[in-house]
């Protein structure tokens, strides 16, 4: 079995694979100041509760967009799993033909999503990841990472609205009963959900137009993907485990000397 870790700015998502089968996934909040021991106290009980013996985990793979956290996680896995984790880095290794300029400036999570999506569909892709930022990644029909778009994430927009206004409340991010809100909560929810769905559709359509209406498949991933998918006209499929599967794919390619 292998344990993969997708370290984002808001959450760390873990997955346990037995070959190509995802046995378990779970997420915890990203806290840079949390010690190696504190991470172990969280991770080990979750594995035990799901009947995963840590001694059966042969390899650990980490992809992180939060560099300060790597020190603590590496120590956690060395101390409690007796394993030195593999760290994936877009600066040092090539997992896909990367046309970004410079290549190392693209987040490793975006590269992993692109590898995962292209490995499954083998065609041109637009991948939208609803994370701390909402990112759009474009992959050519040849499997090249072309580039993308970065916008503030939905949660960032929600927090900015609350922090920078005197009277607007915090709200849950969910689809309201109607697009025209009849109270303040529903009005904000409409702006966040329908607003981001419109943003997605607008950017996707402009990307397609820029590439002469190439036959892109449009994928979405990330925690809020299912909410926006319901309202979007361009998202075709939600790939909930896209990043975790990409980590597993890259591990296996490395193991088989395919990279």
Protein backbone atom coordinates (compact mmCIF):
# COMPACT_ATOMS: atom_id res chain seq x y z
CA UNK A 1 0.00 0.00 0.00
CA UNK A 2 1.03 3.60 -0.49
CA UNK A 3 -0.08 6.74 1.33
CA UNK A 4 -0.38 9.89 -0.76
CA UNK A 5 -0.67 13.42 0.63
CA UNK A 6 -1.96 16.45 -1.23
CA UNK A 7 -0.94 19.43 0.91
CA UNK A 8 -3.01 22.50 0.08
CA UNK A 9 -3.29 25.91 1.68
CA UNK A 10 -6.55 25.02 3.45
CA UNK A 11 -6.55 21.22 3.79
CA UNK A 12 -4.25 18.23 3.57
CA UNK A 13 -5.96 15.39 1.72
CA UNK A 14 -4.66 11.86 2.31
CA UNK A 15 -5.30 8.75 0.27
CA UNK A 16 -4.34 5.12 0.82
CA UNK A 17 -3.95 3.04 -2.33
CA UNK A 18 -3.56 -0.68 -2.79
CA UNK A 19 -2.20 -0.74 -6.33
CA UNK A 20 -4.81 1.32 -8.21
CA UNK A 21 -7.62 0.97 -5.67
CA UNK A 22 -8.27 3.93 -3.39
CA UNK A 23 -9.04 2.29 -0.04
CA UNK A 24 -9.36 5.39 2.09
CA UNK A 25 -9.31 9.14 1.79
CA UNK A 26 -9.54 11.77 4.51
CA UNK A 27 -8.67 15.40 5.04
CA UNK A 28 -7.41 17.50 7.89
CA UNK A 29 -6.88 21.25 8.14
CA UNK A 30 -3.52 22.66 7.11
CA UNK A 31 -1.80 24.07 10.19
CA UNK A 32 1.84 25.04 9.67
CA UNK A 33 2.57 25.36 13.40
CA UNK A 34 1.33 21.84 14.15
CA UNK A 35 4.25 19.61 15.22
CA UNK A 36 5.26 16.25 13.79
CA UNK A 37 3.87 14.51 16.87
CA UNK A 38 0.58 16.39 16.60
CA UNK A 39 0.16 15.30 12.99
CA UNK A 40 0.83 11.71 14.03
CA UNK A 41 -1.82 11.95 16.76
CA UNK A 42 -4.37 12.85 14.09
CA UNK A 43 -3.29 10.55 11.25
CA UNK A 44 -2.63 7.28 13.08
CA UNK A 45 -6.08 6.91 14.75
CA UNK A 46 -7.82 7.57 11.43
CA UNK A 47 -5.83 4.77 9.81
CA UNK A 48 -6.59 2.41 12.70
CA UNK A 49 -10.31 3.23 12.65
CA UNK A 50 -10.38 2.27 8.97
CA UNK A 51 -8.43 -0.98 9.50
CA UNK A 52 -5.30 0.31 7.77
CA UNK A 53 -2.14 -1.06 9.40
CA UNK A 54 0.58 1.58 9.11
CA UNK A 55 3.13 -1.22 8.81
CA UNK A 56 1.56 -2.21 5.48
CA UNK A 57 2.26 1.23 4.01
CA UNK A 58 5.41 0.73 1.96
CA UNK A 59 5.77 4.18 0.40
CA UNK A 60 4.56 7.69 1.10
CA UNK A 61 4.23 10.41 -1.55
CA UNK A 62 3.77 14.11 -0.79
CA UNK A 63 2.88 17.00 -3.08
CA UNK A 64 2.77 20.34 -1.31
CA UNK A 65 2.07 23.97 -2.13
CA UNK A 66 2.92 24.88 1.48
CA UNK A 67 6.72 24.47 1.77
CA UNK A 68 6.98 25.26 5.53
CA UNK A 69 4.82 22.23 6.30
CA UNK A 70 7.10 19.71 4.61
CA UNK A 71 9.58 19.62 7.50
CA UNK A 72 6.96 18.50 10.02
CA UNK A 73 5.29 15.99 7.70
CA UNK A 74 8.57 14.41 6.68
CA UNK A 75 9.48 14.02 10.35
CA UNK A 76 6.06 12.50 11.11
CA UNK A 77 6.51 9.81 8.48
CA UNK A 78 10.14 9.10 9.33
CA UNK A 79 9.39 8.79 13.05
CA UNK A 80 6.05 7.00 13.04
CA UNK A 81 6.07 5.12 9.72
CA UNK A 82 9.81 4.48 9.46
CA UNK A 83 9.61 5.77 5.88
CA UNK A 84 11.26 8.67 4.11
CA UNK A 85 8.54 10.15 1.89
CA UNK A 86 8.91 10.92 -1.80
CA UNK A 87 8.43 14.66 -2.41
CA UNK A 88 7.02 15.63 -5.81
CA UNK A 89 8.23 18.98 -7.09
CA UNK A 90 7.47 20.64 -10.42
CA UNK A 91 10.90 22.28 -10.29
CA UNK A 92 12.97 19.11 -10.26
CA UNK A 93 11.01 16.51 -12.17
CA UNK A 94 9.02 16.27 -15.38
CA UNK A 95 5.71 14.47 -15.18
CA UNK A 96 4.21 16.10 -18.27
CA UNK A 97 5.50 18.26 -21.15
CA UNK A 98 5.33 21.61 -19.35
CA UNK A 99 5.01 24.74 -21.51
CA UNK A 100 4.63 27.13 -18.56
CA UNK A 101 7.22 29.93 -18.34
CA UNK A 102 9.18 29.18 -16.27
CA UNK A 103 7.97 25.57 -15.80
CA UNK A 104 8.72 25.46 -12.07
CA UNK A 105 6.32 28.31 -11.36
CA UNK A 106 3.24 26.18 -11.89
CA UNK A 107 1.93 24.55 -8.71
CA UNK A 108 2.67 20.85 -8.38
CA UNK A 109 -1.02 20.20 -7.63
CA UNK A 110 -1.95 21.61 -11.05
CA UNK A 111 0.60 19.40 -12.78
CA UNK A 112 -0.69 16.34 -10.90
CA UNK A 113 -4.29 17.11 -11.87
CA UNK A 114 -3.24 17.44 -15.50
CA UNK A 115 -1.36 14.12 -15.45
CA UNK A 116 -4.34 12.44 -13.82
CA UNK A 117 -6.90 13.87 -16.23
CA UNK A 118 -4.88 13.19 -19.37
CA UNK A 119 -4.01 9.67 -18.21
CA UNK A 120 -7.74 8.90 -18.00
CA UNK A 121 -9.17 10.75 -21.01
CA UNK A 122 -6.25 11.05 -23.48
CA UNK A 123 -7.62 14.27 -24.97
CA UNK A 124 -7.49 18.04 -24.61
CA UNK A 125 -8.69 19.14 -21.18
CA UNK A 126 -9.77 22.13 -19.17
CA UNK A 127 -9.47 21.26 -15.49
CA UNK A 128 -11.09 23.49 -12.87
CA UNK A 129 -9.97 23.02 -9.28
CA UNK A 130 -12.12 24.66 -6.61
CA UNK A 131 -9.57 25.01 -3.85
CA UNK A 132 -8.25 27.98 -1.88
CA UNK A 133 -7.84 29.50 -5.33
CA UNK A 134 -10.05 28.50 -8.23
CA UNK A 135 -7.66 27.42 -10.98
CA UNK A 136 -8.18 26.53 -14.62
CA UNK A 137 -5.57 24.30 -16.25
CA UNK A 138 -5.37 23.65 -19.98
CA UNK A 139 -3.89 20.45 -21.41
CA UNK A 140 -3.41 19.94 -25.15
CA UNK A 141 -4.55 16.92 -27.12
CA UNK A 142 -0.87 15.83 -27.12
CA UNK A 143 -0.77 15.83 -23.33
CA UNK A 144 1.16 19.10 -22.94
CA UNK A 145 0.52 21.37 -19.97
CA UNK A 146 -0.17 24.71 -21.70
CA UNK A 147 -1.04 27.00 -18.78
CA UNK A 148 -4.15 28.32 -17.15
CA UNK A 149 -6.04 30.89 -15.13
CA UNK A 150 -5.98 31.66 -11.39
CA UNK A 151 -8.87 33.39 -9.63
CA UNK A 152 -9.66 33.88 -5.92
CA UNK A 153 -11.39 30.85 -4.46
CA UNK A 154 -15.03 30.91 -3.41
CA UNK A 155 -14.15 30.75 0.29
CA UNK A 156 -11.71 33.64 -0.10
CA UNK A 157 -14.44 35.69 -1.78
CA UNK A 158 -16.86 34.82 1.00
CA UNK A 159 -14.39 35.82 3.74
CA UNK A 160 -13.43 39.04 1.94
CA UNK A 161 -17.09 40.03 1.71
CA UNK A 162 -17.59 39.44 5.43
CA UNK A 163 -14.36 41.13 6.56
CA UNK A 164 -14.67 44.20 4.37
CA UNK A 165 -18.30 45.08 4.98
CA UNK A 166 -19.99 46.26 8.16
CA UNK A 167 -23.34 44.52 7.92
CA UNK A 168 -23.02 41.46 5.69
CA UNK A 169 -23.00 38.15 7.60
CA UNK A 170 -20.97 34.98 7.12
CA UNK A 171 -22.95 32.39 5.17
CA UNK A 172 -22.69 28.75 4.20
CA UNK A 173 -21.68 28.20 0.60
CA UNK A 174 -24.72 26.49 -0.89
CA UNK A 175 -27.20 27.00 -3.69
CA UNK A 176 -30.06 29.32 -2.59
CA UNK A 177 -33.71 28.63 -3.51
CA UNK A 178 -33.64 31.20 -6.33
CA UNK A 179 -31.04 33.25 -8.16
CA UNK A 180 -32.70 36.45 -6.93
CA UNK A 181 -32.30 36.37 -3.17
CA UNK A 182 -35.18 37.65 -1.07
CA UNK A 183 -33.00 38.02 2.02
CA UNK A 184 -29.35 38.89 2.64
CA UNK A 185 -28.14 35.33 3.22
CA UNK A 186 -29.70 34.04 0.00
CA UNK A 187 -28.45 37.08 -1.91
CA UNK A 188 -24.85 36.39 -0.85
CA UNK A 189 -25.22 32.67 -1.56
CA UNK A 190 -26.54 33.48 -5.01
CA UNK A 191 -23.57 35.72 -5.74
CA UNK A 192 -21.11 33.06 -4.60
CA UNK A 193 -22.64 30.06 -6.37
CA UNK A 194 -24.30 31.49 -9.48
CA UNK A 195 -21.55 34.09 -9.72
CA UNK A 196 -18.79 31.48 -9.77
CA UNK A 197 -20.76 29.26 -12.14
CA UNK A 198 -20.98 32.22 -14.53
CA UNK A 199 -17.26 32.90 -14.05
CA UNK A 200 -16.48 29.27 -14.89
CA UNK A 201 -18.65 29.24 -17.98
CA UNK A 202 -17.29 32.57 -19.16
CA UNK A 203 -13.63 31.56 -18.81
CA UNK A 204 -14.16 28.08 -20.28
CA UNK A 205 -15.91 29.53 -23.33
CA UNK A 206 -13.17 32.11 -23.83
CA UNK A 207 -10.48 29.41 -23.60
CA UNK A 208 -12.32 27.33 -26.19
CA UNK A 209 -12.61 30.36 -28.46
CA UNK A 210 -8.91 31.18 -28.06
CA UNK A 211 -8.05 27.63 -29.14
CA UNK A 212 -10.42 27.67 -32.12
CA UNK A 213 -13.11 25.66 -30.37
CA UNK A 214 -10.88 22.64 -29.84
CA UNK A 215 -12.76 19.69 -28.42
CA UNK A 216 -11.84 20.16 -24.76
CA UNK A 217 -13.27 17.92 -22.07
CA UNK A 218 -14.08 20.04 -19.03
CA UNK A 219 -13.38 18.48 -15.63
CA UNK A 220 -13.92 19.88 -12.15
CA UNK A 221 -12.40 18.85 -8.85
CA UNK A 222 -12.05 20.23 -5.33
CA UNK A 223 -14.35 20.49 -2.36
CA UNK A 224 -16.92 22.85 -3.90
CA UNK A 225 -16.95 21.32 -7.39
CA UNK A 226 -20.28 19.54 -6.98
CA UNK A 227 -22.09 22.77 -6.01
CA UNK A 228 -20.82 24.70 -9.02
CA UNK A 229 -21.26 21.73 -11.34
CA UNK A 230 -24.99 21.83 -10.66
CA UNK A 231 -25.16 25.42 -11.91
CA UNK A 232 -22.52 25.42 -14.64
CA UNK A 233 -23.29 24.86 -18.32
CA UNK A 234 -19.74 23.87 -19.27
CA UNK A 235 -18.50 21.46 -16.59
CA UNK A 236 -18.92 17.94 -17.95
CA UNK A 237 -17.80 15.77 -15.07
CA UNK A 238 -16.64 16.09 -11.47
CA UNK A 239 -13.53 14.04 -10.70
CA UNK A 240 -13.56 14.01 -6.92
CA UNK A 241 -10.31 12.05 -6.51
CA UNK A 242 -8.40 13.59 -9.42
CA UNK A 243 -5.38 14.75 -7.40
CA UNK A 244 -5.07 11.61 -5.28
CA UNK A 245 -5.28 9.42 -8.39
CA UNK A 246 -2.65 11.61 -10.04
CA UNK A 247 -0.28 11.10 -7.12
CA UNK A 248 -0.74 7.35 -7.41
CA UNK A 249 -0.20 7.45 -11.20
CA UNK A 250 3.02 9.41 -10.86
CA UNK A 251 4.30 7.10 -8.11
CA UNK A 252 3.71 4.06 -10.32
CA UNK A 253 5.36 5.72 -13.33
CA UNK A 254 8.42 6.53 -11.22
CA UNK A 255 8.48 2.99 -9.85
CA UNK A 256 8.37 1.57 -13.39
CA UNK A 257 11.02 4.03 -14.64
CA UNK A 258 8.54 5.66 -17.00
CA UNK A 259 9.52 9.18 -15.93
